[in-house]
């Protein structure tokens, strides 16, 4: 169930704790002018996304793992099915990694957020009647 919750948060751009509020301002990861813009808090459970300065620096490691995963998948396909020459394969992988980098950035930040704030059903069902201070006390 943990993997499902992380995948749901990643794919739907939802808060890792309540799965209700959006994390990124723009739903489109290819809106490059808004690529780094996050909401300060969740609109539903008031989770503060960036609890400390540079909170998302750790997401760089997740981004590296995702990019490595892309490479491993393409390398396996290259080795067993595609059989391109080295230059064409390297060029293709570079272009592919650049094209999916907005998705990789978004997914790495959402996975990093899920490491620290897991999904809790009570936050999903909770109404918006508490102030942000009340939510931070209960977290």
N, C-alpha and C. Protein backbone atom coordinates (compact mmCIF):
# COMPACT_ATOMS: atom_id res chain seq x y z
N UNK A 1 0.82 -1.20 0.00
CA UNK A 1 0.00 0.00 0.00
C UNK A 1 0.86 1.26 0.00
N UNK A 2 2.06 1.18 0.59
CA UNK A 2 2.96 2.33 0.63
C UNK A 2 3.35 2.77 -0.78
N UNK A 3 3.68 1.81 -1.65
CA UNK A 3 4.06 2.14 -3.02
C UNK A 3 2.89 2.79 -3.75
N UNK A 4 1.69 2.29 -3.55
CA UNK A 4 0.51 2.88 -4.18
C UNK A 4 0.35 4.34 -3.76
N UNK A 5 0.52 4.62 -2.48
CA UNK A 5 0.37 5.99 -1.98
C UNK A 5 1.43 6.93 -2.58
N UNK A 6 2.65 6.45 -2.68
CA UNK A 6 3.71 7.27 -3.27
C UNK A 6 3.44 7.50 -4.75
N UNK A 7 3.05 6.44 -5.47
CA UNK A 7 2.75 6.58 -6.89
C UNK A 7 1.58 7.53 -7.13
N UNK A 8 0.54 7.43 -6.29
CA UNK A 8 -0.61 8.31 -6.44
C UNK A 8 -0.19 9.77 -6.24
N UNK A 9 0.59 10.02 -5.21
CA UNK A 9 1.05 11.38 -4.93
C UNK A 9 1.91 11.89 -6.08
N UNK A 10 2.78 11.04 -6.62
CA UNK A 10 3.67 11.44 -7.72
C UNK A 10 2.89 11.76 -8.98
N UNK A 11 2.04 10.87 -9.38
CA UNK A 11 1.36 11.01 -10.67
C UNK A 11 0.30 12.10 -10.64
N UNK A 12 -0.38 12.25 -9.53
CA UNK A 12 -1.48 13.21 -9.45
C UNK A 12 -1.06 14.56 -8.87
N UNK A 13 0.22 14.73 -8.50
CA UNK A 13 0.71 15.99 -7.94
C UNK A 13 -0.06 16.37 -6.67
N UNK A 14 -0.22 15.42 -5.77
CA UNK A 14 -0.99 15.63 -4.56
C UNK A 14 -0.11 15.59 -3.32
N UNK A 15 -0.60 16.20 -2.28
CA UNK A 15 0.06 16.24 -0.98
C UNK A 15 0.32 14.80 -0.52
N UNK A 16 1.51 14.55 0.01
CA UNK A 16 1.85 13.19 0.45
C UNK A 16 1.08 12.77 1.69
N UNK A 17 0.61 13.72 2.49
CA UNK A 17 -0.07 13.38 3.74
C UNK A 17 -1.57 13.17 3.58
N UNK A 18 -2.24 14.00 2.76
CA UNK A 18 -3.71 13.88 2.67
C UNK A 18 -4.21 13.49 1.29
N UNK A 19 -3.37 13.57 0.27
CA UNK A 19 -3.74 13.27 -1.12
C UNK A 19 -4.86 14.16 -1.64
N UNK A 20 -4.99 15.36 -1.10
CA UNK A 20 -6.04 16.27 -1.53
C UNK A 20 -5.49 17.52 -2.21
N UNK A 21 -4.58 18.22 -1.56
CA UNK A 21 -4.05 19.47 -2.10
C UNK A 21 -2.94 19.24 -3.11
N UNK A 22 -2.81 20.17 -4.06
CA UNK A 22 -1.74 20.10 -5.04
C UNK A 22 -0.43 20.59 -4.43
N UNK A 23 0.68 20.01 -4.84
CA UNK A 23 1.99 20.42 -4.36
C UNK A 23 2.55 21.52 -5.26
N UNK A 24 2.55 21.28 -6.57
CA UNK A 24 3.08 22.26 -7.51
C UNK A 24 1.98 23.19 -7.97
N UNK A 25 2.34 24.43 -8.23
CA UNK A 25 1.37 25.45 -8.64
C UNK A 25 0.77 25.08 -9.99
N UNK A 26 1.60 24.68 -10.93
CA UNK A 26 1.14 24.31 -12.26
C UNK A 26 0.99 22.80 -12.36
N UNK A 27 -0.12 22.34 -12.92
CA UNK A 27 -0.31 20.90 -13.10
C UNK A 27 0.53 20.36 -14.24
N UNK A 28 0.97 21.23 -15.14
CA UNK A 28 1.75 20.82 -16.30
C UNK A 28 3.25 20.90 -15.98
N UNK A 29 3.95 19.76 -15.95
CA UNK A 29 5.39 19.82 -15.63
C UNK A 29 6.21 20.48 -16.72
N UNK A 30 5.66 20.64 -17.92
CA UNK A 30 6.39 21.27 -19.01
C UNK A 30 6.11 22.76 -19.13
N UNK A 31 5.41 23.33 -18.16
CA UNK A 31 5.27 24.78 -18.07
C UNK A 31 6.54 25.29 -17.39
N UNK A 32 7.56 25.56 -18.20
CA UNK A 32 8.90 25.79 -17.67
C UNK A 32 9.03 27.06 -16.84
N UNK A 33 8.15 28.02 -17.02
CA UNK A 33 8.21 29.23 -16.20
C UNK A 33 7.74 28.96 -14.76
N UNK A 34 7.03 27.86 -14.56
CA UNK A 34 6.50 27.53 -13.23
C UNK A 34 7.08 26.22 -12.69
N UNK A 35 8.16 25.73 -13.28
CA UNK A 35 8.65 24.39 -12.96
C UNK A 35 9.06 24.23 -11.50
N UNK A 36 9.59 25.26 -10.88
CA UNK A 36 10.07 25.18 -9.49
C UNK A 36 9.07 25.73 -8.48
N UNK A 37 7.93 26.19 -8.92
CA UNK A 37 6.96 26.85 -8.02
C UNK A 37 6.09 25.81 -7.30
N UNK A 38 6.23 25.78 -5.99
CA UNK A 38 5.43 24.92 -5.14
C UNK A 38 4.53 25.79 -4.28
N UNK A 39 3.39 25.24 -3.90
CA UNK A 39 2.59 25.92 -2.89
C UNK A 39 3.36 25.86 -1.58
N UNK A 40 3.19 26.86 -0.73
CA UNK A 40 3.90 26.85 0.56
C UNK A 40 3.33 25.77 1.49
N UNK A 41 2.00 25.63 1.48
CA UNK A 41 1.34 24.63 2.31
C UNK A 41 0.25 23.92 1.51
N UNK A 42 -0.18 22.80 2.01
CA UNK A 42 -1.28 22.06 1.40
C UNK A 42 -2.58 22.82 1.66
N UNK A 43 -3.40 22.93 0.64
CA UNK A 43 -4.66 23.66 0.80
C UNK A 43 -5.67 22.88 1.64
N UNK A 44 -5.44 21.61 1.86
CA UNK A 44 -6.38 20.80 2.62
C UNK A 44 -5.92 20.55 4.06
N UNK A 45 -4.72 20.00 4.23
CA UNK A 45 -4.27 19.65 5.58
C UNK A 45 -3.24 20.63 6.14
N UNK A 46 -2.87 21.63 5.36
CA UNK A 46 -1.94 22.69 5.76
C UNK A 46 -0.53 22.19 6.09
N UNK A 47 -0.12 21.07 5.48
CA UNK A 47 1.25 20.60 5.63
C UNK A 47 2.18 21.61 4.97
N UNK A 48 3.19 22.04 5.70
CA UNK A 48 4.17 22.97 5.14
C UNK A 48 5.18 22.14 4.34
N UNK A 49 5.22 22.34 3.02
CA UNK A 49 6.02 21.49 2.15
C UNK A 49 7.52 21.65 2.37
N UNK A 50 7.99 22.86 2.48
CA UNK A 50 9.42 23.08 2.67
C UNK A 50 9.65 23.52 4.11
N UNK A 51 9.83 22.55 4.99
CA UNK A 51 9.92 22.80 6.42
C UNK A 51 11.16 23.57 6.83
N UNK A 52 12.21 23.46 6.06
CA UNK A 52 13.46 24.15 6.37
C UNK A 52 14.08 24.62 5.06
N UNK A 53 14.96 25.60 5.13
CA UNK A 53 15.62 26.04 3.90
C UNK A 53 16.37 24.87 3.26
N UNK A 54 16.31 24.80 1.97
CA UNK A 54 17.00 23.76 1.20
C UNK A 54 16.48 22.35 1.49
N UNK A 55 15.23 22.23 1.88
CA UNK A 55 14.65 20.92 2.21
C UNK A 55 14.74 19.96 1.02
N UNK A 56 14.57 20.47 -0.18
CA UNK A 56 14.51 19.60 -1.35
C UNK A 56 15.88 19.30 -1.96
N UNK A 57 16.98 19.68 -1.31
CA UNK A 57 18.30 19.30 -1.83
C UNK A 57 18.44 17.78 -1.86
N UNK A 58 17.85 17.09 -0.93
CA UNK A 58 17.91 15.63 -0.91
C UNK A 58 17.22 15.01 -2.11
N UNK A 59 16.30 15.75 -2.71
CA UNK A 59 15.60 15.23 -3.89
C UNK A 59 16.55 15.07 -5.07
N UNK A 60 17.71 15.72 -5.01
CA UNK A 60 18.70 15.54 -6.09
C UNK A 60 19.16 14.09 -6.16
N UNK A 61 19.28 13.44 -5.01
CA UNK A 61 19.68 12.03 -5.00
C UNK A 61 18.59 11.16 -5.61
N UNK A 62 17.36 11.49 -5.32
CA UNK A 62 16.23 10.76 -5.91
C UNK A 62 16.21 10.99 -7.42
N UNK A 63 16.45 12.22 -7.84
CA UNK A 63 16.50 12.55 -9.26
C UNK A 63 17.60 11.76 -9.96
N UNK A 64 18.74 11.64 -9.32
CA UNK A 64 19.84 10.86 -9.88
C UNK A 64 19.43 9.39 -10.04
N UNK A 65 18.74 8.85 -9.05
CA UNK A 65 18.29 7.46 -9.12
C UNK A 65 17.27 7.27 -10.25
N UNK A 66 16.36 8.21 -10.41
CA UNK A 66 15.36 8.11 -11.48
C UNK A 66 16.06 8.19 -12.85
N UNK A 67 16.98 9.12 -13.00
CA UNK A 67 17.72 9.25 -14.27
C UNK A 67 18.54 8.00 -14.56
N UNK A 68 19.14 7.43 -13.53
CA UNK A 68 19.88 6.18 -13.71
C UNK A 68 18.94 5.06 -14.13
N UNK A 69 17.75 5.05 -13.54
CA UNK A 69 16.75 4.06 -13.93
C UNK A 69 16.34 4.17 -15.39
N UNK A 70 16.15 5.43 -15.85
CA UNK A 70 15.84 5.63 -17.27
C UNK A 70 16.96 5.05 -18.12
N UNK A 71 18.22 5.34 -17.74
CA UNK A 71 19.35 4.85 -18.53
C UNK A 71 19.40 3.33 -18.53
N UNK A 72 19.20 2.71 -17.40
CA UNK A 72 19.26 1.24 -17.31
C UNK A 72 18.18 0.61 -18.18
N UNK A 73 16.99 1.18 -18.17
CA UNK A 73 15.91 0.64 -19.00
C UNK A 73 16.28 0.74 -20.48
N UNK A 74 16.76 1.91 -20.90
CA UNK A 74 17.13 2.08 -22.30
C UNK A 74 18.34 1.22 -22.67
N UNK A 75 19.28 1.05 -21.75
CA UNK A 75 20.44 0.21 -22.03
C UNK A 75 20.02 -1.25 -22.22
N UNK A 76 19.10 -1.72 -21.38
CA UNK A 76 18.61 -3.09 -21.53
C UNK A 76 17.89 -3.27 -22.87
N UNK A 77 17.06 -2.30 -23.22
CA UNK A 77 16.39 -2.37 -24.52
C UNK A 77 17.39 -2.33 -25.67
N UNK A 78 18.41 -1.50 -25.53
CA UNK A 78 19.45 -1.40 -26.55
C UNK A 78 20.20 -2.72 -26.69
N UNK A 79 20.53 -3.32 -25.57
CA UNK A 79 21.32 -4.55 -25.60
C UNK A 79 20.57 -5.73 -26.20
N UNK A 80 19.28 -5.82 -25.92
CA UNK A 80 18.54 -7.01 -26.33
C UNK A 80 17.70 -6.84 -27.60
N UNK A 81 17.29 -5.59 -27.92
CA UNK A 81 16.37 -5.43 -29.04
C UNK A 81 16.83 -4.41 -30.09
N UNK A 82 17.30 -3.26 -29.68
CA UNK A 82 17.52 -2.17 -30.62
C UNK A 82 18.81 -2.30 -31.42
N UNK A 83 19.91 -2.62 -30.74
CA UNK A 83 21.22 -2.80 -31.37
C UNK A 83 21.65 -1.61 -32.22
N UNK A 84 21.51 -0.39 -31.69
CA UNK A 84 21.99 0.80 -32.37
C UNK A 84 23.48 0.91 -32.16
N UNK A 85 24.14 1.71 -32.99
CA UNK A 85 25.55 1.96 -32.73
C UNK A 85 25.66 2.89 -31.51
N UNK A 86 26.84 2.94 -30.94
CA UNK A 86 27.05 3.65 -29.67
C UNK A 86 26.70 5.14 -29.76
N UNK A 87 27.09 5.79 -30.83
CA UNK A 87 26.83 7.22 -30.96
C UNK A 87 25.32 7.51 -30.99
N UNK A 88 24.57 6.77 -31.79
CA UNK A 88 23.12 6.98 -31.87
C UNK A 88 22.43 6.70 -30.54
N UNK A 89 22.89 5.65 -29.86
CA UNK A 89 22.30 5.32 -28.57
C UNK A 89 22.58 6.43 -27.55
N UNK A 90 23.83 6.89 -27.49
CA UNK A 90 24.20 7.95 -26.53
C UNK A 90 23.42 9.23 -26.84
N UNK A 91 23.31 9.57 -28.10
CA UNK A 91 22.55 10.76 -28.49
C UNK A 91 21.08 10.63 -28.11
N UNK A 92 20.50 9.47 -28.36
CA UNK A 92 19.10 9.24 -28.01
C UNK A 92 18.88 9.35 -26.51
N UNK A 93 19.74 8.73 -25.72
CA UNK A 93 19.58 8.75 -24.26
C UNK A 93 19.73 10.17 -23.73
N UNK A 94 20.68 10.94 -24.26
CA UNK A 94 20.84 12.33 -23.82
C UNK A 94 19.59 13.15 -24.11
N UNK A 95 19.06 13.03 -25.31
CA UNK A 95 17.85 13.77 -25.68
C UNK A 95 16.67 13.32 -24.81
N UNK A 96 16.54 12.02 -24.59
CA UNK A 96 15.45 11.49 -23.77
C UNK A 96 15.52 12.02 -22.34
N UNK A 97 16.72 11.98 -21.74
CA UNK A 97 16.89 12.45 -20.36
C UNK A 97 16.54 13.93 -20.26
N UNK A 98 16.94 14.71 -21.25
CA UNK A 98 16.61 16.15 -21.24
C UNK A 98 15.11 16.36 -21.37
N UNK A 99 14.46 15.58 -22.22
CA UNK A 99 13.01 15.74 -22.43
C UNK A 99 12.19 15.34 -21.20
N UNK A 100 12.64 14.34 -20.45
CA UNK A 100 11.88 13.91 -19.27
C UNK A 100 12.36 14.58 -17.99
N UNK A 101 13.33 15.48 -18.09
CA UNK A 101 13.85 16.11 -16.86
C UNK A 101 12.79 16.90 -16.08
N UNK A 102 11.82 17.58 -16.71
CA UNK A 102 10.78 18.22 -15.89
C UNK A 102 9.96 17.20 -15.09
N UNK A 103 9.67 16.06 -15.68
CA UNK A 103 8.96 15.00 -14.95
C UNK A 103 9.84 14.44 -13.84
N UNK A 104 11.10 14.23 -14.13
CA UNK A 104 12.03 13.69 -13.15
C UNK A 104 12.17 14.64 -11.96
N UNK A 105 12.27 15.93 -12.22
CA UNK A 105 12.37 16.91 -11.15
C UNK A 105 11.12 16.87 -10.26
N UNK A 106 9.97 16.86 -10.89
CA UNK A 106 8.72 16.84 -10.14
C UNK A 106 8.58 15.56 -9.32
N UNK A 107 8.84 14.43 -9.96
CA UNK A 107 8.71 13.16 -9.27
C UNK A 107 9.70 13.03 -8.13
N UNK A 108 10.92 13.51 -8.32
CA UNK A 108 11.92 13.40 -7.25
C UNK A 108 11.51 14.22 -6.03
N UNK A 109 10.96 15.40 -6.25
CA UNK A 109 10.51 16.22 -5.11
C UNK A 109 9.31 15.57 -4.41
N UNK A 110 8.40 14.99 -5.17
CA UNK A 110 7.25 14.34 -4.55
C UNK A 110 7.66 13.08 -3.80
N UNK A 111 8.60 12.32 -4.33
CA UNK A 111 9.10 11.14 -3.62
C UNK A 111 9.81 11.58 -2.34
N UNK A 112 10.62 12.62 -2.42
CA UNK A 112 11.33 13.13 -1.23
C UNK A 112 10.32 13.57 -0.17
N UNK A 113 9.28 14.22 -0.57
CA UNK A 113 8.24 14.64 0.36
C UNK A 113 7.57 13.43 1.00
N UNK A 114 7.37 12.36 0.22
CA UNK A 114 6.77 11.13 0.74
C UNK A 114 7.68 10.41 1.73
N UNK A 115 9.00 10.60 1.63
CA UNK A 115 9.91 10.00 2.61
C UNK A 115 9.64 10.53 4.01
N UNK A 116 9.27 11.79 4.10
CA UNK A 116 9.13 12.44 5.39
C UNK A 116 7.68 12.53 5.88
N UNK A 117 6.74 12.59 4.96
CA UNK A 117 5.33 12.75 5.34
C UNK A 117 4.51 11.72 4.58
N UNK A 118 4.23 10.61 5.26
CA UNK A 118 3.46 9.55 4.64
C UNK A 118 1.96 9.86 4.66
N UNK A 119 1.25 9.12 3.85
CA UNK A 119 -0.20 9.30 3.75
C UNK A 119 -0.88 8.85 5.03
N UNK A 120 -1.82 9.68 5.51
CA UNK A 120 -2.63 9.36 6.70
C UNK A 120 -4.08 9.62 6.36
N UNK A 121 -4.87 8.59 6.42
CA UNK A 121 -6.27 8.67 6.02
C UNK A 121 -7.05 9.72 6.82
N UNK A 122 -6.70 9.90 8.10
CA UNK A 122 -7.43 10.88 8.93
C UNK A 122 -7.30 12.30 8.39
N UNK A 123 -6.18 12.61 7.72
CA UNK A 123 -6.02 13.94 7.13
C UNK A 123 -6.86 14.10 5.87
N UNK A 124 -7.04 13.01 5.13
CA UNK A 124 -7.85 13.07 3.91
C UNK A 124 -9.31 13.37 4.26
N UNK A 125 -9.80 12.76 5.32
CA UNK A 125 -11.20 12.91 5.69
C UNK A 125 -11.47 14.15 6.53
N UNK A 126 -10.44 14.78 7.02
CA UNK A 126 -10.56 15.95 7.88
C UNK A 126 -11.03 17.16 7.07
N UNK A 127 -11.91 17.91 7.65
CA UNK A 127 -12.39 19.13 7.00
C UNK A 127 -11.38 20.25 7.20
N UNK A 128 -11.57 21.32 6.49
CA UNK A 128 -10.64 22.45 6.51
C UNK A 128 -10.94 23.45 7.63
N UNK A 129 -11.50 23.00 8.73
CA UNK A 129 -11.91 23.93 9.78
C UNK A 129 -10.81 24.26 10.78
N UNK A 130 -9.69 23.54 10.77
CA UNK A 130 -8.61 23.84 11.71
C UNK A 130 -7.64 24.83 11.08
N UNK A 131 -7.03 25.64 11.90
CA UNK A 131 -6.04 26.59 11.41
C UNK A 131 -4.73 25.85 11.16
N UNK A 132 -3.81 26.44 10.39
CA UNK A 132 -2.51 25.80 10.16
C UNK A 132 -1.73 25.52 11.44
N UNK A 133 -1.89 26.34 12.47
CA UNK A 133 -1.18 26.10 13.73
C UNK A 133 -1.70 24.85 14.40
N UNK A 134 -3.02 24.59 14.31
CA UNK A 134 -3.58 23.40 14.91
C UNK A 134 -3.04 22.16 14.21
N UNK A 135 -2.88 22.22 12.88
CA UNK A 135 -2.39 21.09 12.13
C UNK A 135 -0.92 20.81 12.44
N UNK A 136 -0.12 21.84 12.62
CA UNK A 136 1.29 21.62 12.90
C UNK A 136 1.48 21.01 14.29
N UNK A 137 0.59 21.31 15.22
CA UNK A 137 0.68 20.71 16.55
C UNK A 137 0.35 19.23 16.50
N UNK A 138 -0.60 18.85 15.61
CA UNK A 138 -1.02 17.45 15.57
C UNK A 138 -0.10 16.62 14.70
N UNK A 139 0.79 17.24 13.92
CA UNK A 139 1.67 16.49 12.99
C UNK A 139 2.83 15.93 13.69
